[in-house]
Amino acid sequence: MDIATTRRNFLKAVGLLTVMGSAGLAGCTTRANEGQSNGPRLPNEPNYKGYLDGTDNYDYTHDRRGNDAITIEVGSKANMGDYGFSPAAVAISPHTTVTWKWTGRGGDHNVVATQGTFDSGEPVSDADTRFEYTFDRPGTYTYVCEPHEGMDMKGVIFVGLGEPAGDGGTA
């Protein structure tokens, strides 16, 4: 076997491995909202009046109405690091308990309603941290992680039985 044949076989093998590797990676891109389940979308998106405009993992309002309890990750991939709530916007029914669960990534976090409705307390980083709040009244509840608010670590809970009116009024 001459050198030209060996080189040709080598290049064919490299080309084949490249094509196979690319095919194997198809669909494996990392999304800004990693960790979010691609669950049902709220049919009529509320108007949050620009509140989530800078939050890069906000894709739509995830419809979790009809559940007694849901969980939101604190410290999920977003905003150039682990500075997100996942999902960023959720619709729930009245009397639903939301549990925010820390991932242990992104440093110290907390969960504080901008209207003063709920507050998880001082920022912490422990992955075992959980904070719960039961939403009894319909409305739109906006919240932040205080240490990372400037990085747009924000979230919204839309509480309602029917479809949002589209005005995104806050509770």
N, C-alpha and C. Protein backbone atom coordinates (compact mmCIF):
# COMPACT_ATOMS: atom_id res chain seq x y z
N MET A 1 0.85 -1.17 0.00
CA MET A 1 0.00 0.00 0.00
C MET A 1 0.90 1.23 0.00
N ASP A 2 0.61 2.16 -0.91
CA ASP A 2 1.45 3.36 -0.99
C ASP A 2 0.95 4.46 -0.06
N ILE A 3 1.74 5.51 0.09
CA ILE A 3 1.43 6.60 1.00
C ILE A 3 0.15 7.33 0.59
N ALA A 4 -0.09 7.50 -0.74
CA ALA A 4 -1.28 8.21 -1.21
C ALA A 4 -2.55 7.45 -0.81
N THR A 5 -2.54 6.12 -0.90
CA THR A 5 -3.71 5.32 -0.53
C THR A 5 -3.95 5.41 0.98
N THR A 6 -2.90 5.34 1.76
CA THR A 6 -3.03 5.43 3.21
C THR A 6 -3.60 6.79 3.62
N ARG A 7 -3.08 7.85 3.00
CA ARG A 7 -3.56 9.20 3.30
C ARG A 7 -5.03 9.34 2.90
N ARG A 8 -5.42 8.82 1.73
CA ARG A 8 -6.80 8.88 1.26
C ARG A 8 -7.73 8.15 2.23
N ASN A 9 -7.33 6.97 2.70
CA ASN A 9 -8.15 6.22 3.65
C ASN A 9 -8.27 6.96 4.98
N PHE A 10 -7.20 7.57 5.41
CA PHE A 10 -7.22 8.34 6.65
C PHE A 10 -8.20 9.51 6.53
N LEU A 11 -8.13 10.26 5.42
CA LEU A 11 -9.02 11.41 5.22
C LEU A 11 -10.48 10.97 5.13
N LYS A 12 -10.74 9.83 4.51
CA LYS A 12 -12.11 9.31 4.44
C LYS A 12 -12.62 8.99 5.85
N ALA A 13 -11.78 8.38 6.65
CA ALA A 13 -12.17 8.02 8.02
C ALA A 13 -12.46 9.27 8.85
N VAL A 14 -11.60 10.29 8.72
CA VAL A 14 -11.81 11.54 9.45
C VAL A 14 -13.10 12.20 8.99
N GLY A 15 -13.35 12.22 7.69
CA GLY A 15 -14.59 12.80 7.16
C GLY A 15 -15.82 12.07 7.67
N LEU A 16 -15.77 10.75 7.70
CA LEU A 16 -16.88 9.95 8.18
C LEU A 16 -17.15 10.22 9.66
N LEU A 17 -16.08 10.28 10.45
CA LEU A 17 -16.24 10.57 11.88
C LEU A 17 -16.82 11.96 12.11
N THR A 18 -16.42 12.93 11.28
CA THR A 18 -16.94 14.28 11.41
C THR A 18 -18.43 14.32 11.13
N VAL A 19 -18.87 13.66 10.05
CA VAL A 19 -20.29 13.62 9.70
C VAL A 19 -21.08 12.90 10.78
N MET A 20 -20.57 11.77 11.26
CA MET A 20 -21.28 11.02 12.30
C MET A 20 -21.36 11.82 13.60
N GLY A 21 -20.28 12.49 13.94
CA GLY A 21 -20.27 13.29 15.16
C GLY A 21 -21.25 14.44 15.08
N SER A 22 -21.34 15.09 13.92
CA SER A 22 -22.28 16.20 13.74
C SER A 22 -23.71 15.70 13.83
N ALA A 23 -23.99 14.57 13.23
CA ALA A 23 -25.35 14.01 13.29
C ALA A 23 -25.71 13.64 14.72
N GLY A 24 -24.76 13.12 15.45
CA GLY A 24 -25.02 12.73 16.83
C GLY A 24 -25.28 13.90 17.75
N LEU A 25 -24.76 15.07 17.38
CA LEU A 25 -24.95 16.26 18.21
C LEU A 25 -26.17 17.07 17.82
N ALA A 26 -26.81 16.72 16.73
CA ALA A 26 -27.97 17.48 16.28
C ALA A 26 -29.01 17.54 17.39
N GLY A 27 -29.50 18.72 17.67
CA GLY A 27 -30.51 18.90 18.71
C GLY A 27 -29.94 18.96 20.12
N CYS A 28 -28.63 18.95 20.26
CA CYS A 28 -28.04 18.95 21.60
C CYS A 28 -27.49 20.32 21.98
N THR A 29 -28.06 21.37 21.46
CA THR A 29 -27.57 22.69 21.79
C THR A 29 -28.05 23.09 23.18
N THR A 30 -27.27 23.89 23.85
CA THR A 30 -27.62 24.38 25.17
C THR A 30 -28.52 25.59 25.02
N ARG A 31 -29.62 25.61 25.72
CA ARG A 31 -30.55 26.72 25.67
C ARG A 31 -30.33 27.59 26.89
N ALA A 32 -30.66 28.87 26.74
CA ALA A 32 -30.54 29.78 27.88
C ALA A 32 -31.45 29.35 29.03
N ASN A 33 -32.55 28.70 28.69
CA ASN A 33 -33.48 28.29 29.74
C ASN A 33 -33.34 26.81 30.06
N GLU A 34 -32.09 26.36 30.13
CA GLU A 34 -31.81 24.98 30.50
C GLU A 34 -32.46 24.66 31.83
N GLY A 35 -33.02 23.48 31.92
CA GLY A 35 -33.66 23.08 33.16
C GLY A 35 -35.16 23.30 33.13
N GLN A 36 -35.62 24.09 32.17
CA GLN A 36 -37.06 24.30 32.07
C GLN A 36 -37.67 23.13 31.33
N SER A 37 -38.81 22.71 31.79
CA SER A 37 -39.54 21.73 31.02
C SER A 37 -40.30 22.50 29.95
N ASN A 38 -40.35 21.94 28.77
CA ASN A 38 -41.07 22.60 27.69
C ASN A 38 -42.53 22.23 27.77
N GLY A 39 -43.13 22.54 28.87
CA GLY A 39 -44.52 22.22 29.12
C GLY A 39 -45.45 23.12 28.34
N PRO A 40 -46.73 22.98 28.63
CA PRO A 40 -47.71 23.75 27.88
C PRO A 40 -47.53 25.25 28.05
N ARG A 41 -47.86 25.93 27.00
CA ARG A 41 -47.76 27.38 26.93
C ARG A 41 -49.13 27.97 27.26
N LEU A 42 -49.16 29.03 28.05
CA LEU A 42 -50.40 29.73 28.32
C LEU A 42 -50.92 30.27 26.98
N PRO A 43 -52.16 29.96 26.61
CA PRO A 43 -52.67 30.34 25.28
C PRO A 43 -52.60 31.84 24.98
N ASN A 44 -52.90 32.68 25.95
CA ASN A 44 -52.84 34.13 25.75
C ASN A 44 -51.79 34.70 26.70
N GLU A 45 -50.67 35.10 26.14
CA GLU A 45 -49.56 35.61 26.95
C GLU A 45 -49.95 36.92 27.62
N PRO A 46 -49.80 36.99 28.97
CA PRO A 46 -50.08 38.26 29.66
C PRO A 46 -49.09 39.34 29.24
N ASN A 47 -49.49 40.57 29.38
CA ASN A 47 -48.61 41.69 29.11
C ASN A 47 -47.92 42.07 30.42
N TYR A 48 -46.66 41.71 30.54
CA TYR A 48 -45.91 42.01 31.76
C TYR A 48 -45.29 43.40 31.73
N LYS A 49 -45.67 44.20 30.76
CA LYS A 49 -45.26 45.61 30.65
C LYS A 49 -43.75 45.77 30.67
N GLY A 50 -43.05 44.85 30.00
CA GLY A 50 -41.61 44.95 29.87
C GLY A 50 -40.82 44.42 31.05
N TYR A 51 -41.49 43.92 32.07
CA TYR A 51 -40.80 43.49 33.29
C TYR A 51 -39.72 42.44 33.01
N LEU A 52 -39.98 41.51 32.10
CA LEU A 52 -39.02 40.43 31.82
C LEU A 52 -38.19 40.67 30.56
N ASP A 53 -38.21 41.88 30.03
CA ASP A 53 -37.50 42.16 28.77
C ASP A 53 -36.02 41.79 28.79
N GLY A 54 -35.32 42.01 29.87
CA GLY A 54 -33.89 41.71 29.94
C GLY A 54 -33.58 40.31 30.43
N THR A 55 -34.59 39.55 30.78
CA THR A 55 -34.41 38.20 31.33
C THR A 55 -34.29 37.22 30.18
N ASP A 56 -33.07 36.73 29.91
CA ASP A 56 -32.86 35.99 28.67
C ASP A 56 -33.41 34.56 28.65
N ASN A 57 -33.88 34.04 29.78
CA ASN A 57 -34.49 32.71 29.74
C ASN A 57 -36.02 32.78 29.74
N TYR A 58 -36.58 33.97 29.61
CA TYR A 58 -38.03 34.11 29.48
C TYR A 58 -38.41 33.80 28.04
N ASP A 59 -39.14 32.71 27.86
CA ASP A 59 -39.57 32.34 26.53
C ASP A 59 -41.07 32.52 26.35
N TYR A 60 -41.83 32.15 27.37
CA TYR A 60 -43.28 32.30 27.39
C TYR A 60 -43.75 31.95 28.79
N THR A 61 -45.05 32.15 29.05
CA THR A 61 -45.61 31.79 30.35
C THR A 61 -45.99 30.32 30.32
N HIS A 62 -45.39 29.55 31.20
CA HIS A 62 -45.62 28.11 31.27
C HIS A 62 -46.92 27.86 32.04
N ASP A 63 -47.85 27.16 31.42
CA ASP A 63 -49.18 26.94 31.99
C ASP A 63 -49.15 25.74 32.94
N ARG A 64 -49.18 26.02 34.24
CA ARG A 64 -49.19 24.96 35.25
C ARG A 64 -50.50 24.99 36.05
N ARG A 65 -51.52 25.67 35.49
CA ARG A 65 -52.81 25.73 36.16
C ARG A 65 -53.35 24.31 36.32
N GLY A 66 -54.06 24.07 37.42
CA GLY A 66 -54.62 22.75 37.68
C GLY A 66 -53.74 21.89 38.56
N ASN A 67 -52.52 22.35 38.86
CA ASN A 67 -51.63 21.63 39.77
C ASN A 67 -51.77 22.21 41.17
N ASP A 68 -51.68 21.35 42.18
CA ASP A 68 -51.73 21.81 43.57
C ASP A 68 -50.41 22.45 44.01
N ALA A 69 -49.31 22.02 43.36
CA ALA A 69 -47.98 22.51 43.72
C ALA A 69 -47.08 22.48 42.49
N ILE A 70 -46.17 23.44 42.41
CA ILE A 70 -45.16 23.46 41.35
C ILE A 70 -43.82 23.85 41.97
N THR A 71 -42.74 23.61 41.22
CA THR A 71 -41.39 23.96 41.67
C THR A 71 -40.73 24.84 40.63
N ILE A 72 -40.03 25.87 41.10
CA ILE A 72 -39.25 26.76 40.26
C ILE A 72 -37.80 26.69 40.73
N GLU A 73 -36.87 26.49 39.80
CA GLU A 73 -35.45 26.46 40.16
C GLU A 73 -34.92 27.87 40.38
N VAL A 74 -34.05 28.01 41.36
CA VAL A 74 -33.38 29.27 41.67
C VAL A 74 -31.89 29.04 41.40
N GLY A 75 -31.33 29.82 40.46
CA GLY A 75 -29.94 29.64 40.08
C GLY A 75 -29.81 28.78 38.83
N SER A 76 -30.78 28.89 37.93
CA SER A 76 -30.72 28.15 36.68
C SER A 76 -29.93 28.96 35.65
N LYS A 77 -29.56 28.31 34.55
CA LYS A 77 -28.79 28.98 33.50
C LYS A 77 -29.60 30.12 32.89
N ALA A 78 -29.08 31.31 33.01
CA ALA A 78 -29.70 32.50 32.42
C ALA A 78 -28.80 33.70 32.68
N ASN A 79 -28.98 34.72 31.87
CA ASN A 79 -28.35 36.02 32.11
C ASN A 79 -26.84 35.92 32.30
N MET A 80 -26.19 35.17 31.41
CA MET A 80 -24.74 35.00 31.38
C MET A 80 -24.18 34.29 32.62
N GLY A 81 -24.90 33.31 33.11
CA GLY A 81 -24.44 32.54 34.27
C GLY A 81 -25.59 31.75 34.85
N ASP A 82 -25.53 31.52 36.12
CA ASP A 82 -26.58 30.80 36.84
C ASP A 82 -27.43 31.81 37.60
N TYR A 83 -28.00 32.74 36.85
CA TYR A 83 -28.73 33.87 37.43
C TYR A 83 -30.16 33.93 36.90
N GLY A 84 -30.85 32.79 36.98
CA GLY A 84 -32.23 32.76 36.51
C GLY A 84 -33.15 31.96 37.40
N PHE A 85 -34.43 32.22 37.23
CA PHE A 85 -35.49 31.39 37.80
C PHE A 85 -36.01 30.55 36.62
N SER A 86 -36.27 29.29 36.87
CA SER A 86 -36.69 28.42 35.77
C SER A 86 -37.92 27.62 36.14
N PRO A 87 -39.00 27.86 35.41
CA PRO A 87 -39.19 28.84 34.36
C PRO A 87 -39.35 30.26 34.91
N ALA A 88 -39.10 31.23 34.03
CA ALA A 88 -39.15 32.63 34.45
C ALA A 88 -40.58 33.13 34.64
N ALA A 89 -41.53 32.58 33.90
CA ALA A 89 -42.93 33.00 34.02
C ALA A 89 -43.82 31.76 34.05
N VAL A 90 -44.71 31.71 35.04
CA VAL A 90 -45.58 30.54 35.24
C VAL A 90 -47.00 31.01 35.53
N ALA A 91 -47.97 30.32 34.93
CA ALA A 91 -49.39 30.55 35.26
C ALA A 91 -49.85 29.41 36.16
N ILE A 92 -50.51 29.76 37.26
CA ILE A 92 -51.01 28.76 38.20
C ILE A 92 -52.46 29.10 38.57
N SER A 93 -53.13 28.14 39.16
CA SER A 93 -54.47 28.34 39.69
C SER A 93 -54.38 28.89 41.11
N PRO A 94 -55.44 29.58 41.57
CA PRO A 94 -55.45 29.99 42.97
C PRO A 94 -55.32 28.78 43.90
N HIS A 95 -54.71 28.99 45.04
CA HIS A 95 -54.49 27.98 46.08
C HIS A 95 -53.37 26.99 45.70
N THR A 96 -52.52 27.38 44.77
CA THR A 96 -51.37 26.56 44.38
C THR A 96 -50.17 26.98 45.22
N THR A 97 -49.41 25.99 45.68
CA THR A 97 -48.18 26.26 46.41
C THR A 97 -47.00 26.20 45.45
N VAL A 98 -46.22 27.27 45.45
CA VAL A 98 -45.00 27.33 44.64
C VAL A 98 -43.83 27.11 45.57
N THR A 99 -42.96 26.18 45.18
CA THR A 99 -41.71 25.94 45.92
C THR A 99 -40.56 26.39 45.04
N TRP A 100 -39.77 27.32 45.54
CA TRP A 100 -38.54 27.71 44.86
C TRP A 100 -37.44 26.83 45.45
N LYS A 101 -36.69 26.17 44.58
CA LYS A 101 -35.65 25.23 45.00
C LYS A 101 -34.30 25.70 44.45
N TRP A 102 -33.36 25.94 45.34
CA TRP A 102 -32.04 26.42 44.96
C TRP A 102 -31.24 25.30 44.30
N THR A 103 -30.52 25.65 43.23
CA THR A 103 -29.65 24.68 42.53
C THR A 103 -28.28 24.58 43.18
N GLY A 104 -27.90 25.59 43.96
CA GLY A 104 -26.57 25.61 44.54
C GLY A 104 -25.56 26.29 43.62
N ARG A 105 -26.04 26.82 42.49
CA ARG A 105 -25.15 27.49 41.53
C ARG A 105 -25.46 28.99 41.50
N GLY A 106 -24.45 29.78 41.15
CA GLY A 106 -24.65 31.21 40.95
C GLY A 106 -24.50 32.08 42.19
N GLY A 107 -24.04 31.51 43.28
CA GLY A 107 -23.85 32.31 44.49
C GLY A 107 -25.10 32.38 45.34
N ASP A 108 -25.16 33.45 46.14
CA ASP A 108 -26.28 33.63 47.07
C ASP A 108 -27.50 34.20 46.34
N HIS A 109 -28.66 33.58 46.58
CA HIS A 109 -29.91 34.03 45.97
C HIS A 109 -30.99 34.16 47.04
N ASN A 110 -32.01 34.94 46.71
CA ASN A 110 -33.24 34.96 47.48
C ASN A 110 -34.40 35.19 46.51
N VAL A 111 -35.61 35.14 47.02
CA VAL A 111 -36.83 35.32 46.23
C VAL A 111 -37.67 36.37 46.96
N VAL A 112 -37.83 37.55 46.33
CA VAL A 112 -38.52 38.64 46.99
C VAL A 112 -39.54 39.25 46.02
N ALA A 113 -40.81 39.27 46.44
CA ALA A 113 -41.86 39.87 45.63
C ALA A 113 -41.66 41.38 45.57
N THR A 114 -41.81 41.94 44.38
CA THR A 114 -41.66 43.39 44.25
C THR A 114 -42.80 44.13 44.92
N GLN A 115 -43.93 43.45 45.16
CA GLN A 115 -45.07 44.06 45.84
C GLN A 115 -45.03 43.82 47.35
N GLY A 116 -44.03 43.10 47.86
CA GLY A 116 -43.92 42.81 49.28
C GLY A 116 -44.76 41.63 49.75
N THR A 117 -45.33 40.89 48.83
CA THR A 117 -46.22 39.78 49.18
C THR A 117 -45.49 38.61 49.85
N PHE A 118 -44.28 38.31 49.40
CA PHE A 118 -43.51 37.20 49.96
C PHE A 118 -42.03 37.54 49.91
N ASP A 119 -41.25 36.88 50.79
CA ASP A 119 -39.82 37.16 50.91
C ASP A 119 -39.16 35.94 51.53
N SER A 120 -38.19 35.37 50.83
CA SER A 120 -37.51 34.17 51.34
C SER A 120 -36.46 34.50 52.40
N GLY A 121 -36.15 35.77 52.59
CA GLY A 121 -35.17 36.16 53.59
C GLY A 121 -33.83 36.51 53.00
N GLU A 122 -32.79 36.39 53.82
CA GLU A 122 -31.43 36.73 53.39
C GLU A 122 -30.98 35.78 52.28
N PRO A 123 -30.18 36.28 51.32
CA PRO A 123 -29.68 35.44 50.24
C PRO A 123 -28.81 34.29 50.77
N VAL A 124 -28.99 33.11 50.19
CA VAL A 124 -28.22 31.92 50.54
C VAL A 124 -27.86 31.16 49.27
N SER A 125 -26.87 30.27 49.36
CA SER A 125 -26.43 29.52 48.19
C SER A 125 -26.63 28.01 48.32
N ASP A 126 -27.01 27.52 49.47
CA ASP A 126 -27.13 26.09 49.71
C ASP A 126 -28.16 25.43 48.79
N ALA A 127 -27.74 24.35 48.13
CA ALA A 127 -28.62 23.64 47.19
C ALA A 127 -29.82 23.00 47.88
N ASP A 128 -29.79 22.84 49.16
CA ASP A 128 -30.92 22.25 49.88
C ASP A 128 -31.98 23.28 50.28
N THR A 129 -31.74 24.54 49.95
CA THR A 129 -32.66 25.59 50.34
C THR A 129 -33.96 25.51 49.53
N ARG A 130 -35.06 25.70 50.24
CA ARG A 130 -36.38 25.74 49.61
C ARG A 130 -37.19 26.84 50.29
N PHE A 131 -38.04 27.47 49.49
CA PHE A 131 -38.95 28.48 50.00
C PHE A 131 -40.31 28.23 49.35
N GLU A 132 -41.36 28.22 50.17
CA GLU A 132 -42.71 27.96 49.66
C GLU A 132 -43.63 29.13 49.94
N TYR A 133 -44.55 29.33 49.01
CA TYR A 133 -45.59 30.32 49.20
C TYR A 133 -46.84 29.83 48.47
N THR A 134 -47.99 29.95 49.12
CA THR A 134 -49.26 29.55 48.50
C THR A 134 -49.98 30.80 48.02
N PHE A 135 -50.31 30.82 46.74
CA PHE A 135 -50.98 31.95 46.11
C PHE A 135 -52.48 31.72 46.14
N ASP A 136 -53.19 32.52 46.92
CA ASP A 136 -54.64 32.36 47.06
C ASP A 136 -55.42 33.35 46.21
N ARG A 137 -54.83 34.50 45.91
CA ARG A 137 -55.56 35.55 45.19
C ARG A 137 -55.09 35.66 43.75
N PRO A 138 -56.04 35.77 42.81
CA PRO A 138 -55.67 35.99 41.40
C PRO A 138 -54.87 37.28 41.25
N GLY A 139 -53.98 37.29 40.28
CA GLY A 139 -53.19 38.48 39.98
C GLY A 139 -51.87 38.10 39.36
N THR A 140 -51.05 39.10 39.13
CA THR A 140 -49.72 38.92 38.56
C THR A 140 -48.72 39.33 39.63
N TYR A 141 -47.86 38.41 40.01
CA TYR A 141 -46.88 38.63 41.07
C TYR A 141 -45.48 38.63 40.45
N THR A 142 -44.79 39.73 40.57
CA THR A 142 -43.42 39.83 40.06
C THR A 142 -42.45 39.69 41.22
N TYR A 143 -41.30 39.10 40.94
CA TYR A 143 -40.31 38.90 42.00
C TYR A 143 -38.90 38.94 41.44
N VAL A 144 -37.92 39.07 42.35
CA VAL A 144 -36.52 39.19 41.97
C VAL A 144 -35.64 38.39 42.94
N CYS A 145 -34.42 38.18 42.52
CA CYS A 145 -33.33 37.81 43.42
C CYS A 145 -32.61 39.13 43.68
N GLU A 146 -32.64 39.61 44.91
CA GLU A 146 -32.08 40.93 45.20
C GLU A 146 -30.60 41.08 44.81
N PRO A 147 -29.72 40.10 45.13
CA PRO A 147 -28.32 40.30 44.75
C PRO A 147 -28.08 40.35 43.23
N HIS A 148 -29.00 39.76 42.45
CA HIS A 148 -28.81 39.67 41.01
C HIS A 148 -29.91 40.36 40.21
N GLU A 149 -30.63 41.26 40.84
CA GLU A 149 -31.69 42.00 40.14
C GLU A 149 -31.11 42.80 38.98
N GLY A 150 -29.94 43.38 39.18
CA GLY A 150 -29.29 44.14 38.12
C GLY A 150 -28.88 43.29 36.93
N MET A 151 -28.84 41.97 37.12
CA MET A 151 -28.54 41.03 36.03
C MET A 151 -29.84 40.45 35.45
N ASP A 152 -30.96 41.04 35.82
CA ASP A 152 -32.29 40.63 35.35
C ASP A 152 -32.71 39.24 35.82
N MET A 153 -32.30 38.87 37.05
CA MET A 153 -32.79 37.63 37.64
C MET A 153 -34.16 37.94 38.23
N LYS A 154 -35.17 37.76 37.36
CA LYS A 154 -36.55 38.13 37.68
C LYS A 154 -37.49 37.00 37.30
N GLY A 155 -38.67 37.02 37.92
CA GLY A 155 -39.68 36.03 37.58
C GLY A 155 -41.08 36.59 37.76
N VAL A 156 -42.06 35.85 37.22
CA VAL A 156 -43.46 36.25 37.32
C VAL A 156 -44.32 35.02 37.57
N ILE A 157 -45.26 35.18 38.49
CA ILE A 157 -46.30 34.17 38.72
C ILE A 157 -47.62 34.82 38.34
N PHE A 158 -48.32 34.23 37.36
CA PHE A 158 -49.64 34.70 36.98
C PHE A 158 -50.65 33.74 37.61
N VAL A 159 -51.52 34.26 38.48
CA VAL A 159 -52.50 33.42 39.18
C VAL A 159 -53.88 33.73 38.62
N GLY A 160 -54.52 32.72 38.06
CA GLY A 160 -55.85 32.94 37.53
C GLY A 160 -56.51 31.64 37.10
N LEU A 161 -57.82 31.65 37.03
CA LEU A 161 -58.58 30.49 36.56
C LEU A 161 -58.75 30.51 35.07
N GLY A 162 -59.12 31.66 34.54
CA GLY A 162 -59.36 31.79 33.11
C GLY A 162 -58.16 32.34 32.40
N GLU A 163 -58.41 32.86 31.22
CA GLU A 163 -57.33 33.43 30.41
C GLU A 163 -57.00 34.84 30.90
N PRO A 164 -55.74 35.24 30.79
CA PRO A 164 -55.38 36.60 31.18
C PRO A 164 -56.05 37.61 30.26
N ALA A 165 -56.40 38.74 30.84
CA ALA A 165 -57.04 39.79 30.07
C ALA A 165 -56.07 40.47 29.11
N GLY A 166 -54.77 40.25 29.31
CA GLY A 166 -53.77 40.84 28.44
C GLY A 166 -53.17 42.13 28.98
N ASP A 167 -53.73 42.65 30.08
CA ASP A 167 -53.19 43.90 30.62
C ASP A 167 -52.08 43.68 31.62
N GLY A 168 -51.90 42.43 32.11
CA GLY A 168 -50.80 42.10 33.00
C GLY A 168 -50.82 42.86 34.31
N GLY A 169 -51.98 43.27 34.78
CA GLY A 169 -52.07 43.99 36.05
C GLY A 169 -51.44 43.21 37.18
N THR A 170 -50.82 43.91 38.11
CA THR A 170 -50.15 43.23 39.22
C THR A 170 -51.03 43.18 40.44
N ALA A 171 -50.79 42.15 41.24
CA ALA A 171 -51.57 41.97 42.49
C ALA A 171 -50.97 42.81 43.59
